[in-house]
N, C-alpha and C. Protein backbone atom coordinates (compact mmCIF):
# COMPACT_ATOMS: atom_id res chain seq x y z
N HIS A 1 -88.02 157.31 -117.31
CA HIS A 1 -87.36 158.46 -117.30
C HIS A 1 -86.39 158.70 -116.09
N MET A 2 -85.18 158.65 -116.26
CA MET A 2 -84.47 158.74 -114.93
C MET A 2 -84.10 160.18 -114.65
N HIS A 3 -84.31 160.72 -113.53
CA HIS A 3 -84.14 161.86 -112.98
C HIS A 3 -82.91 162.04 -112.15
N LEU A 4 -82.21 163.05 -112.22
CA LEU A 4 -81.13 163.10 -111.34
C LEU A 4 -81.51 164.14 -110.17
N ASP A 5 -81.27 163.68 -109.08
CA ASP A 5 -81.74 164.40 -107.81
C ASP A 5 -80.68 165.04 -107.23
N ASN A 6 -80.73 166.01 -106.23
CA ASN A 6 -79.80 166.59 -105.65
C ASN A 6 -78.74 165.75 -104.76
N ALA A 7 -79.13 164.62 -104.22
CA ALA A 7 -78.43 163.64 -103.45
C ALA A 7 -77.59 162.91 -104.33
N THR A 8 -77.97 162.50 -105.44
CA THR A 8 -77.15 161.96 -106.39
C THR A 8 -76.23 162.92 -107.23
N LEU A 9 -76.40 164.18 -107.21
CA LEU A 9 -75.43 165.00 -107.85
C LEU A 9 -74.36 165.34 -106.72
N ASP A 10 -74.74 165.35 -105.32
CA ASP A 10 -73.89 165.55 -104.32
C ASP A 10 -72.91 164.40 -104.35
N ARG A 11 -73.32 163.22 -104.46
CA ARG A 11 -72.35 161.91 -104.49
C ARG A 11 -71.64 162.00 -105.63
N ILE A 12 -72.06 162.16 -106.84
CA ILE A 12 -71.10 162.31 -107.83
C ILE A 12 -70.10 163.50 -107.76
N ALA A 13 -70.64 164.45 -107.24
CA ALA A 13 -69.49 165.79 -107.04
C ALA A 13 -68.55 165.42 -106.06
N GLU A 14 -68.92 164.66 -104.98
CA GLU A 14 -67.99 164.04 -103.93
C GLU A 14 -66.92 163.19 -104.50
N LEU A 15 -67.36 162.15 -105.27
CA LEU A 15 -66.45 161.29 -105.84
C LEU A 15 -65.50 161.88 -107.02
N ALA A 16 -65.90 162.92 -107.63
CA ALA A 16 -65.22 163.67 -108.61
C ALA A 16 -64.35 164.78 -108.04
N ARG A 17 -64.72 165.09 -106.67
CA ARG A 17 -63.97 166.15 -106.16
C ARG A 17 -64.38 167.50 -106.77
N LEU A 18 -65.60 167.61 -106.96
CA LEU A 18 -66.19 168.98 -107.51
C LEU A 18 -66.90 169.70 -106.47
N ASP A 19 -66.60 171.09 -106.47
CA ASP A 19 -67.30 172.03 -105.61
C ASP A 19 -68.69 172.43 -106.25
N VAL A 20 -69.63 171.97 -105.80
CA VAL A 20 -70.95 172.35 -106.52
C VAL A 20 -71.73 173.43 -105.46
N SER A 21 -71.06 174.09 -104.74
CA SER A 21 -71.76 175.04 -103.67
C SER A 21 -72.37 176.19 -104.40
N ASP A 22 -71.86 176.56 -105.30
CA ASP A 22 -72.51 177.84 -106.13
C ASP A 22 -73.72 177.29 -106.81
N PRO A 23 -74.86 177.99 -106.36
CA PRO A 23 -76.06 177.63 -106.99
C PRO A 23 -76.25 177.59 -108.51
N ALA A 24 -75.44 178.61 -109.02
CA ALA A 24 -75.34 178.59 -110.69
C ALA A 24 -74.58 177.37 -111.34
N VAL A 25 -73.53 177.05 -110.57
CA VAL A 25 -72.75 175.80 -111.15
C VAL A 25 -73.62 174.63 -110.89
N ARG A 26 -74.22 174.56 -109.88
CA ARG A 26 -75.01 173.42 -109.44
C ARG A 26 -76.17 173.20 -110.36
N ALA A 27 -76.75 174.19 -110.73
CA ALA A 27 -77.87 174.14 -111.65
C ALA A 27 -77.56 173.80 -113.03
N SER A 28 -76.33 174.49 -113.38
CA SER A 28 -75.68 174.01 -114.79
C SER A 28 -75.44 172.66 -115.09
N LEU A 29 -74.56 172.14 -113.91
CA LEU A 29 -74.22 170.91 -113.72
C LEU A 29 -75.39 169.90 -113.78
N LEU A 30 -76.39 170.03 -113.17
CA LEU A 30 -77.72 169.22 -113.07
C LEU A 30 -78.34 169.27 -114.47
N LYS A 31 -78.25 170.38 -114.98
CA LYS A 31 -79.06 170.35 -116.33
C LYS A 31 -78.14 169.62 -117.45
N ASP A 32 -76.93 169.79 -117.42
CA ASP A 32 -76.03 169.06 -118.28
C ASP A 32 -76.02 167.63 -118.13
N MET A 33 -76.15 167.06 -116.90
CA MET A 33 -75.97 165.71 -116.59
C MET A 33 -77.22 165.04 -116.94
N GLN A 34 -78.52 165.93 -116.68
CA GLN A 34 -79.66 165.50 -116.99
C GLN A 34 -79.73 164.96 -118.65
N ARG A 35 -79.14 166.21 -119.32
CA ARG A 35 -79.29 165.80 -120.78
C ARG A 35 -78.38 164.66 -121.17
N VAL A 36 -77.29 164.19 -120.50
CA VAL A 36 -76.60 163.30 -120.92
C VAL A 36 -77.39 161.77 -120.58
N LEU A 37 -77.97 161.96 -119.39
CA LEU A 37 -78.80 160.80 -119.06
C LEU A 37 -80.06 160.58 -119.92
N ASP A 38 -80.52 161.78 -120.35
CA ASP A 38 -81.62 161.65 -121.43
C ASP A 38 -81.20 161.17 -122.74
N PHE A 39 -79.99 161.32 -123.17
CA PHE A 39 -79.52 160.85 -124.38
C PHE A 39 -79.09 159.45 -124.25
N VAL A 40 -78.59 158.95 -123.04
CA VAL A 40 -78.37 157.48 -122.85
C VAL A 40 -79.63 156.63 -123.01
N GLU A 41 -80.81 157.32 -122.59
CA GLU A 41 -81.99 156.66 -122.46
C GLU A 41 -82.09 156.53 -124.11
N GLN A 42 -82.15 157.45 -124.75
CA GLN A 42 -82.53 157.28 -126.20
C GLN A 42 -81.67 156.32 -126.87
N LEU A 43 -80.44 156.21 -126.51
CA LEU A 43 -79.49 155.27 -127.11
C LEU A 43 -80.00 153.71 -126.62
N GLU A 44 -80.29 153.61 -125.38
CA GLU A 44 -81.16 152.45 -124.96
C GLU A 44 -82.20 151.98 -125.56
N ALA A 45 -82.92 152.82 -126.16
CA ALA A 45 -84.18 152.63 -126.76
C ALA A 45 -83.97 152.01 -128.36
N VAL A 46 -82.68 152.18 -128.81
CA VAL A 46 -82.43 151.84 -130.32
C VAL A 46 -82.71 150.45 -130.49
N ASP A 47 -83.34 149.73 -131.42
CA ASP A 47 -83.45 148.53 -131.68
C ASP A 47 -82.20 147.92 -132.42
N THR A 48 -81.42 147.03 -131.64
CA THR A 48 -80.18 146.62 -132.27
C THR A 48 -80.35 145.08 -132.48
N GLU A 49 -81.59 144.45 -132.63
CA GLU A 49 -81.91 143.01 -132.88
C GLU A 49 -81.39 142.73 -134.35
N GLY A 50 -80.58 141.68 -134.36
CA GLY A 50 -80.09 141.32 -135.77
C GLY A 50 -78.86 142.26 -136.28
N VAL A 51 -78.44 143.15 -135.42
CA VAL A 51 -77.41 143.91 -135.74
C VAL A 51 -75.94 143.16 -135.24
N GLU A 52 -75.11 142.87 -136.24
CA GLU A 52 -73.89 142.37 -135.92
C GLU A 52 -73.10 143.43 -135.14
N PRO A 53 -72.39 142.85 -134.04
CA PRO A 53 -71.54 143.91 -133.25
C PRO A 53 -70.28 144.22 -134.05
N LEU A 54 -69.84 145.34 -134.08
CA LEU A 54 -68.58 145.98 -134.62
C LEU A 54 -67.52 145.71 -133.59
N ILE A 55 -66.77 144.88 -134.23
CA ILE A 55 -65.39 144.53 -133.31
C ILE A 55 -64.20 145.21 -133.60
N PHE A 56 -63.96 145.21 -134.95
CA PHE A 56 -62.98 145.96 -135.32
C PHE A 56 -63.20 147.11 -136.45
N MET A 57 -62.50 148.30 -136.20
CA MET A 57 -62.71 149.23 -137.14
C MET A 57 -61.92 149.14 -138.40
N THR A 58 -60.84 148.56 -138.54
CA THR A 58 -60.16 148.23 -139.65
C THR A 58 -59.42 146.81 -139.58
N GLU A 59 -59.14 146.24 -140.44
CA GLU A 59 -58.33 145.12 -140.43
C GLU A 59 -56.97 145.12 -140.17
N GLY A 60 -56.32 146.30 -140.25
CA GLY A 60 -54.84 146.58 -139.88
C GLY A 60 -54.62 146.26 -138.48
N GLU A 61 -53.12 146.02 -138.46
CA GLU A 61 -52.80 145.70 -136.99
C GLU A 61 -51.94 146.92 -136.53
N ASN A 62 -51.72 147.10 -135.19
CA ASN A 62 -51.02 148.19 -134.65
C ASN A 62 -49.49 147.78 -135.06
N GLU A 63 -48.86 148.88 -135.61
CA GLU A 63 -47.22 148.61 -135.83
C GLU A 63 -46.54 149.33 -134.46
N LEU A 64 -46.07 148.50 -133.71
CA LEU A 64 -45.51 149.20 -132.41
C LEU A 64 -44.08 149.11 -132.57
N ARG A 65 -43.42 150.28 -132.24
CA ARG A 65 -42.02 150.22 -132.24
C ARG A 65 -41.38 149.35 -130.96
N GLU A 66 -40.27 149.04 -131.06
CA GLU A 66 -39.64 148.20 -130.00
C GLU A 66 -39.34 148.98 -128.82
N ASP A 67 -39.65 148.60 -127.77
CA ASP A 67 -39.30 149.39 -126.48
C ASP A 67 -37.94 149.42 -126.09
N VAL A 68 -37.25 150.31 -126.08
CA VAL A 68 -36.00 150.45 -125.76
C VAL A 68 -35.66 151.54 -124.74
N ALA A 69 -35.17 150.98 -123.39
CA ALA A 69 -34.76 151.78 -122.35
C ALA A 69 -33.65 152.79 -122.59
N ARG A 70 -33.64 153.96 -122.52
CA ARG A 70 -32.61 154.84 -122.70
C ARG A 70 -32.71 156.13 -121.67
N THR A 71 -31.39 156.72 -121.51
CA THR A 71 -31.52 157.71 -120.54
C THR A 71 -31.53 159.15 -121.31
N GLU A 72 -32.66 159.82 -121.27
CA GLU A 72 -32.47 161.15 -122.10
C GLU A 72 -31.92 162.35 -121.23
N ILE A 73 -32.33 162.31 -119.86
CA ILE A 73 -32.00 163.23 -118.95
C ILE A 73 -31.52 162.55 -117.80
N THR A 74 -30.48 163.09 -117.18
CA THR A 74 -30.00 162.42 -115.82
C THR A 74 -30.98 162.78 -114.70
N GLN A 75 -31.19 162.13 -113.60
CA GLN A 75 -31.78 162.34 -112.56
C GLN A 75 -31.38 163.80 -111.74
N ALA A 76 -30.28 163.95 -111.79
CA ALA A 76 -29.67 165.36 -111.33
C ALA A 76 -30.25 166.48 -112.18
N ASP A 77 -30.13 166.30 -113.35
CA ASP A 77 -30.65 167.47 -114.40
C ASP A 77 -32.22 167.61 -114.28
N ALA A 78 -32.96 166.51 -114.29
CA ALA A 78 -34.38 166.65 -113.87
C ALA A 78 -34.66 167.27 -112.68
N LEU A 79 -34.02 166.98 -111.47
CA LEU A 79 -34.29 167.49 -110.25
C LEU A 79 -33.62 169.11 -110.18
N ARG A 80 -32.83 169.58 -111.08
CA ARG A 80 -32.19 170.75 -110.89
C ARG A 80 -33.19 171.92 -110.82
N ASN A 81 -34.37 171.93 -111.60
CA ASN A 81 -35.02 173.15 -111.60
C ASN A 81 -36.43 172.90 -111.02
N ALA A 82 -36.60 171.65 -110.19
CA ALA A 82 -37.51 171.30 -109.37
C ALA A 82 -37.70 172.51 -108.20
N PRO A 83 -39.12 172.92 -108.17
CA PRO A 83 -39.44 173.91 -107.19
C PRO A 83 -39.14 173.27 -105.70
N VAL A 84 -39.59 172.14 -105.51
CA VAL A 84 -39.51 171.48 -104.29
C VAL A 84 -39.01 170.09 -104.48
N LYS A 85 -38.09 169.54 -103.73
CA LYS A 85 -37.43 168.22 -103.92
C LYS A 85 -37.11 167.78 -102.51
N ASP A 86 -37.14 166.48 -102.38
CA ASP A 86 -36.89 165.75 -101.14
C ASP A 86 -35.78 164.69 -101.75
N SER A 87 -34.61 164.83 -101.40
CA SER A 87 -33.52 164.06 -101.71
C SER A 87 -33.52 163.72 -103.47
N ASP A 88 -33.78 162.61 -103.66
CA ASP A 88 -33.82 162.23 -105.01
C ASP A 88 -35.29 162.32 -105.70
N TYR A 89 -36.12 162.87 -105.22
CA TYR A 89 -37.67 163.03 -105.66
C TYR A 89 -38.23 164.29 -105.75
N PHE A 90 -39.03 164.42 -106.71
CA PHE A 90 -39.69 165.66 -106.80
C PHE A 90 -40.85 165.54 -105.58
N LYS A 91 -41.05 166.73 -104.95
CA LYS A 91 -42.06 166.76 -103.85
C LYS A 91 -43.35 167.51 -104.37
N VAL A 92 -44.50 166.93 -104.59
CA VAL A 92 -45.74 167.52 -104.98
C VAL A 92 -46.81 167.67 -103.92
N PRO A 93 -47.71 168.58 -104.24
CA PRO A 93 -48.93 168.76 -103.14
C PRO A 93 -49.59 167.30 -103.03
N ARG A 94 -50.09 167.08 -101.79
CA ARG A 94 -50.92 165.79 -101.63
C ARG A 94 -52.29 165.81 -102.36
N VAL A 95 -52.51 164.79 -103.17
CA VAL A 95 -53.69 164.67 -103.89
C VAL A 95 -54.77 163.96 -103.27
N VAL A 96 -54.41 162.95 -102.48
CA VAL A 96 -55.45 161.96 -101.83
C VAL A 96 -55.21 162.17 -100.25
N ASP A 97 -56.28 162.31 -99.91
CA ASP A 97 -56.27 162.56 -98.37
C ASP A 97 -56.50 161.05 -97.65
N LYS A 98 -55.48 160.46 -97.04
CA LYS A 98 -55.45 159.14 -96.53
C LYS A 98 -56.73 158.94 -95.44
N GLY A 99 -57.15 160.05 -94.82
CA GLY A 99 -57.99 159.93 -93.52
C GLY A 99 -59.56 160.08 -94.19
N GLN A 100 -59.75 160.21 -95.49
CA GLN A 100 -61.15 160.34 -95.97
C GLN A 100 -61.48 158.90 -96.36
N SER A 101 -62.80 158.40 -95.97
CA SER A 101 -63.24 157.15 -96.62
C SER A 101 -63.61 157.34 -97.80
N GLY A 102 -63.70 155.92 -98.34
CA GLY A 102 -64.32 155.91 -99.94
C GLY A 102 -65.72 155.71 -99.89
N SER A 103 -66.35 155.76 -98.81
CA SER A 103 -67.91 155.42 -98.85
C SER A 103 -68.72 156.43 -98.36
């Protein structure tokens, strides 16, 4: 039985950029994640010996439309109502902090 500990929760929260400082949120998240892990263990216990893998749900093929480049709106029109812009680009809040390490 795999048990989710606080250190693992902290690491997952860091990777997912989740704030788990609130004890109620932390307890709820631990409980929910443990339920997911328990369910995965149940799935792993299923005997699939002799069961052919399911590769395709249907025999049909995707019917894709032809890709055609077209201009629906000009760049100037798109930027006209932008709350913040920099020359010819939308300016948005920073999402990734370059100074933060990935480990």
